[in-house]
């Protein structure tokens, strides 16, 4: 009799443990968010820039960073995004730049930059389609911003 009580207690504890593990896995799955597949919407004129804190208001200069951890950060100037990447070096899922002249977003690998101005924070870069005459790739634009004299 004594042995059967111990065995029953162990099986009961094992069942509780299995239920607890299943419950934790269910919670983890429920709280796991899929990474975005495009630019995430935000509220223009109210969402602050993740670098300088100014409201993201001028569409032609907006940028968005999506991290591998699911964080979505918005920027009011491409230069602010470049500074953030240079300082923080996050694990990047995707980067989008709002087209300078058209109401659409460009993935970083489809974006290039022209000198324009004035931009919201004075970096004076606007995103255009890669291959546009006179435009520099985003890596070169980032180098210009992060290696400029203060």
N, C-alpha and C. Protein backbone atom coordinates (compact mmCIF):
# COMPACT_ATOMS: atom_id res chain seq x y z
N UNK A 1 0.82 -1.19 0.00
CA UNK A 1 0.00 0.00 0.00
C UNK A 1 0.86 1.25 0.00
N UNK A 2 1.93 1.19 0.82
CA UNK A 2 2.80 2.35 0.91
C UNK A 2 3.42 2.65 -0.46
N UNK A 3 3.85 1.62 -1.20
CA UNK A 3 4.45 1.81 -2.52
C UNK A 3 3.46 2.41 -3.51
N UNK A 4 2.21 2.02 -3.45
CA UNK A 4 1.23 2.54 -4.40
C UNK A 4 0.92 4.01 -4.14
N UNK A 5 1.01 4.46 -2.91
CA UNK A 5 0.79 5.88 -2.61
C UNK A 5 1.92 6.69 -3.21
N UNK A 6 3.16 6.25 -3.07
CA UNK A 6 4.31 6.97 -3.63
C UNK A 6 4.21 7.02 -5.15
N UNK A 7 3.87 5.89 -5.77
CA UNK A 7 3.77 5.85 -7.22
C UNK A 7 2.66 6.78 -7.70
N UNK A 8 1.52 6.76 -7.02
CA UNK A 8 0.41 7.64 -7.40
C UNK A 8 0.78 9.10 -7.24
N UNK A 9 1.51 9.41 -6.20
CA UNK A 9 1.93 10.79 -5.95
C UNK A 9 2.90 11.25 -7.04
N UNK A 10 3.82 10.39 -7.43
CA UNK A 10 4.79 10.73 -8.47
C UNK A 10 4.07 10.93 -9.80
N UNK A 11 3.14 10.01 -10.14
CA UNK A 11 2.39 10.17 -11.40
C UNK A 11 1.56 11.44 -11.36
N UNK A 12 0.99 11.76 -10.22
CA UNK A 12 0.19 12.99 -10.09
C UNK A 12 1.06 14.22 -10.28
N UNK A 13 2.24 14.22 -9.69
CA UNK A 13 3.18 15.34 -9.84
C UNK A 13 3.63 15.45 -11.29
N UNK A 14 3.90 14.31 -11.92
CA UNK A 14 4.31 14.31 -13.34
C UNK A 14 3.22 14.88 -14.23
N UNK A 15 1.97 14.52 -13.96
CA UNK A 15 0.86 15.05 -14.74
C UNK A 15 0.73 16.55 -14.59
N UNK A 16 0.89 17.03 -13.37
CA UNK A 16 0.83 18.47 -13.13
C UNK A 16 1.96 19.18 -13.87
N UNK A 17 3.14 18.60 -13.84
CA UNK A 17 4.31 19.16 -14.52
C UNK A 17 4.08 19.22 -16.03
N UNK A 18 3.53 18.15 -16.59
CA UNK A 18 3.25 18.13 -18.03
C UNK A 18 2.22 19.19 -18.39
N UNK A 19 1.18 19.33 -17.59
CA UNK A 19 0.15 20.34 -17.85
C UNK A 19 0.76 21.74 -17.76
N UNK A 20 1.63 21.96 -16.77
CA UNK A 20 2.28 23.27 -16.61
C UNK A 20 3.16 23.59 -17.81
N UNK A 21 3.91 22.62 -18.30
CA UNK A 21 4.77 22.83 -19.46
C UNK A 21 3.94 23.15 -20.70
N UNK A 22 2.87 22.41 -20.90
CA UNK A 22 1.99 22.66 -22.05
C UNK A 22 1.39 24.06 -21.94
N UNK A 23 0.99 24.44 -20.75
CA UNK A 23 0.43 25.79 -20.55
C UNK A 23 1.44 26.87 -20.85
N UNK A 24 2.67 26.70 -20.40
CA UNK A 24 3.72 27.69 -20.67
C UNK A 24 4.02 27.78 -22.16
N UNK A 25 4.07 26.65 -22.83
CA UNK A 25 4.29 26.65 -24.28
C UNK A 25 3.15 27.36 -25.01
N UNK A 26 1.93 27.13 -24.57
CA UNK A 26 0.77 27.79 -25.20
C UNK A 26 0.86 29.31 -25.01
N UNK A 27 1.25 29.75 -23.82
CA UNK A 27 1.41 31.18 -23.57
C UNK A 27 2.52 31.76 -24.43
N UNK A 28 3.63 31.07 -24.55
CA UNK A 28 4.74 31.52 -25.37
C UNK A 28 4.33 31.66 -26.82
N UNK A 29 3.63 30.68 -27.34
CA UNK A 29 3.17 30.73 -28.73
C UNK A 29 2.17 31.87 -28.92
N UNK A 30 1.28 32.07 -27.97
CA UNK A 30 0.28 33.13 -28.07
C UNK A 30 0.92 34.50 -28.07
N UNK A 31 2.03 34.66 -27.36
CA UNK A 31 2.68 35.97 -27.26
C UNK A 31 3.78 36.16 -28.29
N UNK A 32 4.08 35.16 -29.06
CA UNK A 32 5.08 35.29 -30.10
C UNK A 32 4.43 35.96 -31.29
N UNK A 33 5.04 37.04 -31.74
CA UNK A 33 4.47 37.82 -32.84
C UNK A 33 5.34 37.59 -34.08
N UNK A 34 4.69 37.36 -35.19
CA UNK A 34 5.43 37.20 -36.44
C UNK A 34 6.06 38.54 -36.81
N UNK A 35 7.22 38.48 -37.43
CA UNK A 35 7.88 39.70 -37.87
C UNK A 35 7.08 40.33 -39.01
N UNK A 36 7.08 41.66 -39.09
CA UNK A 36 6.32 42.33 -40.15
C UNK A 36 6.82 41.94 -41.54
N UNK A 37 5.94 42.04 -42.51
CA UNK A 37 6.30 41.72 -43.89
C UNK A 37 6.31 42.97 -44.76
N UNK A 38 6.15 44.12 -44.17
CA UNK A 38 6.18 45.40 -44.87
C UNK A 38 6.24 46.51 -43.85
N UNK A 39 6.22 47.76 -44.29
CA UNK A 39 6.23 48.86 -43.34
C UNK A 39 5.01 48.81 -42.43
N UNK A 40 5.22 49.03 -41.17
CA UNK A 40 4.12 49.04 -40.20
C UNK A 40 3.53 50.44 -40.12
N UNK A 41 2.21 50.56 -40.08
CA UNK A 41 1.60 51.89 -39.97
C UNK A 41 1.90 52.53 -38.62
N UNK A 42 1.92 53.84 -38.63
CA UNK A 42 2.09 54.61 -37.40
C UNK A 42 1.32 55.91 -37.58
N UNK A 43 1.23 56.71 -36.55
CA UNK A 43 0.45 57.94 -36.61
C UNK A 43 1.38 59.10 -36.98
N UNK A 44 1.19 59.63 -38.20
CA UNK A 44 1.97 60.78 -38.65
C UNK A 44 1.71 61.96 -37.72
N UNK A 45 2.72 62.77 -37.51
CA UNK A 45 2.67 63.98 -36.68
C UNK A 45 2.53 63.70 -35.19
N UNK A 46 2.50 62.43 -34.79
CA UNK A 46 2.40 62.08 -33.37
C UNK A 46 3.46 61.08 -32.92
N UNK A 47 3.88 60.22 -33.83
CA UNK A 47 4.88 59.20 -33.48
C UNK A 47 6.25 59.86 -33.40
N UNK A 48 6.95 59.68 -32.27
CA UNK A 48 8.26 60.32 -32.15
C UNK A 48 9.36 59.54 -32.88
N UNK A 49 10.34 60.29 -33.34
CA UNK A 49 11.53 59.70 -33.93
C UNK A 49 12.31 58.97 -32.83
N UNK A 50 12.73 57.75 -33.11
CA UNK A 50 13.45 56.95 -32.12
C UNK A 50 14.84 57.53 -31.80
N UNK A 51 15.34 58.40 -32.64
CA UNK A 51 16.67 58.98 -32.42
C UNK A 51 16.60 60.37 -31.79
N UNK A 52 15.83 61.27 -32.39
CA UNK A 52 15.85 62.66 -31.91
C UNK A 52 14.60 63.05 -31.11
N UNK A 53 13.55 62.26 -31.18
CA UNK A 53 12.34 62.54 -30.42
C UNK A 53 11.34 63.46 -31.11
N UNK A 54 11.70 64.04 -32.24
CA UNK A 54 10.77 64.90 -32.97
C UNK A 54 9.66 64.03 -33.58
N UNK A 55 8.51 64.63 -33.82
CA UNK A 55 7.40 63.90 -34.45
C UNK A 55 7.75 63.57 -35.90
N UNK A 56 7.42 62.37 -36.32
CA UNK A 56 7.62 61.96 -37.71
C UNK A 56 6.47 62.57 -38.50
N UNK A 57 6.78 63.60 -39.29
CA UNK A 57 5.69 64.33 -39.95
C UNK A 57 5.89 64.52 -41.45
N UNK A 58 7.11 64.61 -41.92
CA UNK A 58 7.33 64.84 -43.35
C UNK A 58 7.58 63.50 -44.04
N UNK A 59 6.58 63.05 -44.78
CA UNK A 59 6.62 61.72 -45.39
C UNK A 59 7.86 61.50 -46.24
N UNK A 60 8.29 62.50 -46.97
CA UNK A 60 9.43 62.36 -47.86
C UNK A 60 10.75 62.06 -47.17
N UNK A 61 10.77 62.14 -45.85
CA UNK A 61 12.01 61.89 -45.11
C UNK A 61 11.88 60.76 -44.09
N UNK A 62 10.72 60.16 -43.97
CA UNK A 62 10.49 59.15 -42.93
C UNK A 62 11.26 57.86 -43.22
N UNK A 63 11.56 57.15 -42.15
CA UNK A 63 12.23 55.86 -42.25
C UNK A 63 11.72 54.97 -41.12
N UNK A 64 11.84 53.66 -41.32
CA UNK A 64 11.38 52.71 -40.31
C UNK A 64 12.36 51.55 -40.20
N UNK A 65 12.69 51.21 -38.97
CA UNK A 65 13.56 50.07 -38.66
C UNK A 65 12.72 49.03 -37.95
N UNK A 66 12.83 47.78 -38.41
CA UNK A 66 12.17 46.65 -37.75
C UNK A 66 13.28 45.71 -37.30
N UNK A 67 13.30 45.41 -36.00
CA UNK A 67 14.35 44.56 -35.46
C UNK A 67 13.93 43.09 -35.47
N UNK A 68 14.89 42.22 -35.34
CA UNK A 68 14.61 40.78 -35.27
C UNK A 68 13.78 40.44 -34.03
N UNK A 69 13.83 41.29 -33.01
CA UNK A 69 13.04 41.09 -31.81
C UNK A 69 11.61 41.57 -31.94
N UNK A 70 11.23 42.09 -33.12
CA UNK A 70 9.86 42.53 -33.35
C UNK A 70 9.61 43.99 -33.04
N UNK A 71 10.63 44.73 -32.63
CA UNK A 71 10.46 46.15 -32.33
C UNK A 71 10.39 46.94 -33.64
N UNK A 72 9.49 47.92 -33.71
CA UNK A 72 9.35 48.78 -34.87
C UNK A 72 9.65 50.20 -34.42
N UNK A 73 10.69 50.79 -35.03
CA UNK A 73 11.13 52.14 -34.67
C UNK A 73 10.99 53.04 -35.89
N UNK A 74 10.47 54.24 -35.66
CA UNK A 74 10.27 55.20 -36.74
C UNK A 74 11.21 56.38 -36.58
N UNK A 75 11.56 56.99 -37.72
CA UNK A 75 12.53 58.07 -37.74
C UNK A 75 12.01 59.19 -38.63
N UNK A 76 12.31 60.44 -38.26
CA UNK A 76 11.82 61.59 -39.03
C UNK A 76 12.79 62.04 -40.11
N UNK A 77 13.96 61.41 -40.19
CA UNK A 77 14.98 61.80 -41.16
C UNK A 77 15.84 60.56 -41.40
N UNK A 78 16.20 60.27 -42.65
CA UNK A 78 17.09 59.12 -42.87
C UNK A 78 18.37 59.21 -42.04
N UNK A 79 18.87 60.43 -41.85
CA UNK A 79 20.08 60.60 -41.05
C UNK A 79 19.90 60.15 -39.61
N UNK A 80 18.72 60.34 -39.06
CA UNK A 80 18.45 59.87 -37.70
C UNK A 80 18.54 58.34 -37.64
N UNK A 81 17.98 57.68 -38.65
CA UNK A 81 18.08 56.22 -38.71
C UNK A 81 19.54 55.79 -38.81
N UNK A 82 20.31 56.45 -39.68
CA UNK A 82 21.72 56.10 -39.83
C UNK A 82 22.47 56.28 -38.52
N UNK A 83 22.20 57.37 -37.81
CA UNK A 83 22.87 57.60 -36.52
C UNK A 83 22.48 56.51 -35.51
N UNK A 84 21.21 56.15 -35.48
CA UNK A 84 20.73 55.11 -34.57
C UNK A 84 21.43 53.78 -34.87
N UNK A 85 21.49 53.41 -36.15
CA UNK A 85 22.16 52.15 -36.53
C UNK A 85 23.63 52.17 -36.12
N UNK A 86 24.26 53.31 -36.31
CA UNK A 86 25.68 53.45 -35.99
C UNK A 86 25.93 53.32 -34.48
N UNK A 87 25.06 53.92 -33.68
CA UNK A 87 25.23 53.91 -32.22
C UNK A 87 24.77 52.61 -31.58
N UNK A 88 23.62 52.10 -32.00
CA UNK A 88 22.98 50.97 -31.32
C UNK A 88 23.35 49.63 -31.96
N UNK A 89 23.50 49.57 -33.26
CA UNK A 89 23.80 48.34 -34.00
C UNK A 89 22.81 47.21 -33.66
N UNK A 90 21.51 47.47 -33.88
CA UNK A 90 20.51 46.44 -33.56
C UNK A 90 20.53 45.30 -34.56
N UNK A 91 19.91 44.19 -34.19
CA UNK A 91 19.73 43.07 -35.13
C UNK A 91 18.56 43.44 -36.02
N UNK A 92 18.85 43.72 -37.28
CA UNK A 92 17.86 44.28 -38.20
C UNK A 92 17.09 43.18 -38.92
N UNK A 93 15.77 43.30 -38.87
CA UNK A 93 14.90 42.46 -39.70
C UNK A 93 14.75 43.13 -41.06
N UNK A 94 14.33 44.41 -41.05
CA UNK A 94 14.16 45.15 -42.30
C UNK A 94 14.21 46.64 -42.02
N UNK A 95 14.57 47.38 -43.05
CA UNK A 95 14.59 48.85 -43.00
C UNK A 95 13.82 49.35 -44.21
N UNK A 96 12.99 50.37 -43.96
CA UNK A 96 12.23 51.01 -45.04
C UNK A 96 12.48 52.51 -45.00
N UNK A 97 12.55 53.09 -46.18
CA UNK A 97 12.64 54.54 -46.33
C UNK A 97 11.44 54.98 -47.15
N UNK A 98 10.81 56.07 -46.74
CA UNK A 98 9.71 56.60 -47.53
C UNK A 98 10.32 57.31 -48.74
N UNK A 99 9.75 57.06 -49.91
CA UNK A 99 10.24 57.69 -51.14
C UNK A 99 10.12 59.21 -51.00
N UNK A 100 11.12 59.90 -51.49
CA UNK A 100 11.19 61.35 -51.39
C UNK A 100 10.04 62.06 -52.12
N UNK A 101 9.68 61.55 -53.28
CA UNK A 101 8.70 62.25 -54.13
C UNK A 101 7.37 61.53 -54.29
N UNK A 102 7.30 60.28 -53.92
CA UNK A 102 6.09 59.48 -54.13
C UNK A 102 5.61 58.91 -52.80
N UNK A 103 4.31 58.63 -52.73
CA UNK A 103 3.74 58.11 -51.49
C UNK A 103 3.88 56.58 -51.45
N UNK A 104 5.11 56.14 -51.24
CA UNK A 104 5.39 54.70 -51.12
C UNK A 104 6.70 54.52 -50.36
N UNK A 105 6.84 53.30 -49.86
CA UNK A 105 8.03 52.94 -49.09
C UNK A 105 8.99 52.12 -49.96
N UNK A 106 10.26 52.26 -49.67
CA UNK A 106 11.31 51.50 -50.35
C UNK A 106 12.04 50.64 -49.33
N UNK A 107 12.20 49.36 -49.64
CA UNK A 107 13.05 48.53 -48.80
C UNK A 107 14.48 49.02 -48.95
N UNK A 108 15.28 48.84 -47.92
CA UNK A 108 16.64 49.38 -47.94
C UNK A 108 17.42 48.92 -49.15
N UNK A 109 17.23 47.69 -49.61
CA UNK A 109 17.99 47.21 -50.76
C UNK A 109 17.49 47.78 -52.09
N UNK A 110 16.38 48.53 -52.06
CA UNK A 110 15.86 49.19 -53.26
C UNK A 110 15.99 50.70 -53.17
N UNK A 111 16.61 51.19 -52.10
CA UNK A 111 16.70 52.64 -51.87
C UNK A 111 18.11 53.16 -52.16
N UNK A 112 18.14 54.38 -52.66
CA UNK A 112 19.36 55.15 -52.82
C UNK A 112 19.02 56.57 -52.36
N UNK A 113 20.01 57.43 -52.26
CA UNK A 113 19.78 58.75 -51.68
C UNK A 113 20.34 59.87 -52.53
N UNK A 114 19.54 60.93 -52.60
CA UNK A 114 19.97 62.14 -53.27
C UNK A 114 20.09 63.25 -52.23
N UNK A 115 20.87 64.24 -52.53
CA UNK A 115 21.01 65.39 -51.65
C UNK A 115 19.83 66.32 -51.90
N UNK A 116 19.12 66.63 -50.86
CA UNK A 116 17.96 67.52 -50.89
C UNK A 116 18.04 68.41 -49.67
N UNK A 117 17.08 69.25 -49.51
CA UNK A 117 17.11 69.99 -48.26
C UNK A 117 16.08 71.08 -48.22
N UNK A 118 15.88 71.58 -47.08
CA UNK A 118 16.41 71.02 -45.84
C UNK A 118 15.54 69.87 -45.36
N UNK A 119 16.17 68.87 -44.78
CA UNK A 119 15.43 67.75 -44.20
C UNK A 119 15.13 68.08 -42.74
N UNK A 120 14.23 67.34 -42.10
CA UNK A 120 13.83 67.69 -40.73
C UNK A 120 14.99 67.89 -39.75
N UNK A 121 16.02 67.07 -39.83
CA UNK A 121 17.13 67.21 -38.89
C UNK A 121 18.43 67.68 -39.57
N UNK A 122 18.29 68.13 -40.81
CA UNK A 122 19.43 68.73 -41.49
C UNK A 122 20.44 67.78 -42.09
N UNK A 123 20.07 66.51 -42.22
CA UNK A 123 20.99 65.57 -42.89
C UNK A 123 20.88 65.71 -44.41
N UNK A 124 19.77 66.27 -44.87
CA UNK A 124 19.56 66.63 -46.26
C UNK A 124 19.71 65.49 -47.25
N UNK A 125 19.14 64.35 -46.89
CA UNK A 125 19.10 63.19 -47.77
C UNK A 125 17.65 62.77 -47.98
N UNK A 126 17.34 62.40 -49.21
CA UNK A 126 16.00 61.89 -49.53
C UNK A 126 16.12 60.57 -50.26
N UNK A 127 15.25 59.64 -49.94
CA UNK A 127 15.29 58.30 -50.55
C UNK A 127 14.59 58.31 -51.90
N UNK A 128 15.24 57.66 -52.85
CA UNK A 128 14.69 57.46 -54.19
C UNK A 128 14.99 56.02 -54.59
N UNK A 129 14.49 55.63 -55.75
CA UNK A 129 14.76 54.27 -56.23
C UNK A 129 16.24 54.10 -56.54
N UNK A 130 16.79 52.97 -56.16
CA UNK A 130 18.18 52.66 -56.49
C UNK A 130 18.34 52.75 -58.00
N UNK A 131 19.45 53.28 -58.44
CA UNK A 131 19.70 53.42 -59.87
C UNK A 131 19.35 54.79 -60.42
N UNK A 132 18.69 55.63 -59.61
CA UNK A 132 18.39 56.98 -60.08
C UNK A 132 19.72 57.72 -60.28
N UNK A 133 19.85 58.44 -61.40
CA UNK A 133 21.10 59.17 -61.65
C UNK A 133 21.46 60.12 -60.51
N UNK A 134 22.71 60.06 -60.10
CA UNK A 134 23.21 60.94 -59.04
C UNK A 134 22.95 60.43 -57.63
N UNK A 135 22.21 59.35 -57.49
CA UNK A 135 21.88 58.82 -56.16
C UNK A 135 22.98 57.88 -55.68
N UNK A 136 23.20 57.89 -54.37
CA UNK A 136 24.20 57.00 -53.77
C UNK A 136 23.49 55.89 -53.00
N UNK A 137 24.09 54.69 -52.93
CA UNK A 137 23.47 53.60 -52.18
C UNK A 137 23.35 53.95 -50.69
N UNK A 138 22.45 53.25 -50.01
CA UNK A 138 22.19 53.58 -48.61
C UNK A 138 23.43 53.42 -47.74
N UNK A 139 24.30 52.45 -48.05
CA UNK A 139 25.52 52.27 -47.25
C UNK A 139 26.42 53.50 -47.35
N UNK A 140 26.52 54.07 -48.55
CA UNK A 140 27.35 55.26 -48.74
C UNK A 140 26.73 56.47 -48.04
N UNK A 141 25.40 56.59 -48.12
CA UNK A 141 24.71 57.68 -47.43
C UNK A 141 24.93 57.57 -45.92
N UNK A 142 24.87 56.35 -45.41
CA UNK A 142 25.10 56.14 -43.98
C UNK A 142 26.52 56.55 -43.60
N UNK A 143 27.49 56.21 -44.43
CA UNK A 143 28.88 56.60 -44.18
C UNK A 143 29.01 58.12 -44.14
N UNK A 144 28.34 58.81 -45.06
CA UNK A 144 28.39 60.27 -45.10
C UNK A 144 27.86 60.87 -43.80
N UNK A 145 26.77 60.32 -43.30
CA UNK A 145 26.14 60.84 -42.08
C UNK A 145 26.96 60.52 -40.84
N UNK A 146 27.41 59.28 -40.72
CA UNK A 146 28.06 58.87 -39.47
C UNK A 146 29.52 59.27 -39.40
N UNK A 147 30.11 59.69 -40.51
CA UNK A 147 31.51 60.13 -40.50
C UNK A 147 31.65 61.62 -40.76
N UNK A 148 30.53 62.35 -40.72
CA UNK A 148 30.58 63.80 -40.91
C UNK A 148 31.14 64.46 -39.65
N UNK A 149 31.80 65.56 -39.84
CA UNK A 149 32.32 66.31 -38.69
C UNK A 149 31.15 66.87 -37.91
N UNK A 150 31.24 66.82 -36.55
CA UNK A 150 30.13 67.33 -35.73
C UNK A 150 29.99 68.83 -35.86
